Amino acid sequence: MDKKSKHMMDFISKAIEHLDASGFEALEILDVRSRLASREPLLAEPDKALLEKLDRRLLQIAGSLKERISEVADLAEMRRRAHILPSHWWWYLDEFSSDKLRAAAG
């Protein structure tokens, strides 16, 4: 894995361990995940597996992230302004029901 991708994955890994993160820190997690998305085709299979594990963890803590973000921003408005594509599902946590999140995080 290249150094930049490793740095981003390490950031996400460490950040999601701290559920006491502020709304701004939660937004930074989503932003870093978006930057990492463009690098996914460059990742080797073991690195993609690690990213999938991180994504599952993001889904597991989605409720907490939504709560933190809602304290500082309107996620739907941020998506609209930034023209976030649905493929960047982590920006759509506010649209996931609790049942969908549990099933996806499985």
Protein backbone atom coordinates (compact mmCIF):
# COMPACT_ATOMS: atom_id res chain seq x y z
CA MET A 1 0.00 0.00 0.00
CA ASP A 2 1.29 3.44 -0.83
CA LYS A 3 2.20 5.78 2.01
CA LYS A 4 -0.69 8.22 1.49
CA SER A 5 -3.33 5.47 1.47
CA LYS A 6 -1.78 3.90 4.56
CA HIS A 7 -1.82 7.24 6.34
CA MET A 8 -5.53 7.71 5.52
CA MET A 9 -6.44 4.19 6.60
CA ASP A 10 -4.47 4.61 9.83
CA PHE A 11 -6.28 7.89 10.48
CA ILE A 12 -9.70 6.31 10.01
CA SER A 13 -8.74 3.30 12.11
CA LYS A 14 -7.60 5.45 15.04
CA ALA A 15 -10.43 7.97 14.71
CA ILE A 16 -13.23 5.42 14.82
CA GLU A 17 -11.89 4.06 18.09
CA HIS A 18 -12.80 7.36 19.76
CA LEU A 19 -16.57 7.58 19.86
CA ASP A 20 -16.24 10.75 21.91
CA ALA A 21 -15.10 12.59 18.78
CA SER A 22 -16.61 15.98 18.10
CA GLY A 23 -18.92 16.57 15.15
CA PHE A 24 -16.07 18.22 13.28
CA GLU A 25 -13.84 15.21 13.88
CA ALA A 26 -16.63 12.91 12.67
CA LEU A 27 -16.90 14.99 9.49
CA GLU A 28 -13.15 14.66 9.02
CA ILE A 29 -13.53 10.87 9.14
CA LEU A 30 -16.07 11.06 6.30
CA ASP A 31 -13.85 13.43 4.33
CA VAL A 32 -10.79 11.19 4.66
CA ARG A 33 -12.88 8.17 3.64
CA SER A 34 -13.93 10.06 0.50
CA ARG A 35 -10.34 10.86 -0.36
CA LEU A 36 -9.45 7.23 0.17
CA ALA A 37 -12.26 6.13 -2.16
CA SER A 38 -10.43 7.53 -5.18
CA ARG A 39 -7.40 5.43 -4.24
CA GLU A 40 -9.28 2.13 -3.85
CA PRO A 41 -8.38 0.82 -7.33
CA LEU A 42 -4.70 1.12 -6.35
CA LEU A 43 -5.07 -1.03 -3.24
CA ALA A 44 -3.91 -4.63 -3.09
CA GLU A 45 -6.46 -7.27 -2.03
CA PRO A 46 -5.30 -7.41 1.63
CA ASP A 47 -5.59 -3.62 1.83
CA LYS A 48 -9.07 -3.72 0.31
CA ALA A 49 -10.04 -6.28 2.95
CA LEU A 50 -8.78 -3.93 5.66
CA LEU A 51 -10.78 -1.09 4.14
CA GLU A 52 -13.90 -3.27 4.13
CA LYS A 53 -13.30 -3.97 7.82
CA LEU A 54 -13.02 -0.23 8.49
CA ASP A 55 -16.23 0.37 6.53
CA ARG A 56 -18.06 -2.23 8.63
CA ARG A 57 -16.82 -0.45 11.74
CA LEU A 58 -18.05 2.88 10.35
CA LEU A 59 -21.45 1.30 9.90
CA GLN A 60 -21.38 -0.02 13.46
CA ILE A 61 -20.77 3.45 14.87
CA ALA A 62 -22.99 5.25 12.36
CA GLY A 63 -25.51 6.27 15.02
CA SER A 64 -22.83 7.94 17.09
CA LEU A 65 -21.35 9.65 14.04
CA LYS A 66 -24.79 10.92 12.97
CA GLU A 67 -25.41 12.25 16.46
CA ARG A 68 -22.07 14.05 16.64
CA ILE A 69 -22.37 15.54 13.16
CA SER A 70 -25.91 16.76 13.79
CA GLU A 71 -24.50 18.91 16.62
CA VAL A 72 -22.44 20.94 14.15
CA ALA A 73 -23.85 20.49 10.65
CA ASP A 74 -26.73 19.36 8.49
CA LEU A 75 -25.40 16.30 6.69
CA ALA A 76 -28.00 16.47 3.90
CA GLU A 77 -27.12 20.11 3.22
CA MET A 78 -23.40 19.31 3.18
CA ARG A 79 -24.00 16.52 0.65
CA ARG A 80 -26.04 18.81 -1.54
CA ARG A 81 -23.49 21.60 -1.50
CA ALA A 82 -20.55 19.28 -2.14
CA HIS A 83 -22.39 17.19 -4.77
CA ILE A 84 -21.58 13.96 -2.91
CA LEU A 85 -22.33 10.87 -4.98
CA PRO A 86 -24.37 8.02 -3.48
CA SER A 87 -21.36 5.74 -3.98
CA HIS A 88 -19.86 7.61 -1.04
CA TRP A 89 -22.44 6.00 1.25
CA TRP A 90 -20.69 7.19 4.44
CA TRP A 91 -22.06 10.68 3.73
CA TYR A 92 -25.61 9.28 3.85
CA LEU A 93 -25.59 7.97 7.42
CA ASP A 94 -28.53 10.20 8.26
CA GLU A 95 -30.66 8.32 5.73
CA PHE A 96 -29.92 4.87 7.08
CA SER A 97 -32.45 3.34 9.42
CA SER A 98 -31.17 1.51 12.49
CA ASP A 99 -32.29 -1.80 10.98
CA LYS A 100 -30.41 -1.15 7.74
CA LEU A 101 -27.28 -0.20 9.67
CA ARG A 102 -27.39 -3.36 11.78
CA ALA A 103 -27.89 -5.52 8.67
CA ALA A 104 -25.09 -3.81 6.75
CA ALA A 105 -22.65 -3.95 9.66
CA GLY A 106 -23.57 -7.64 10.16
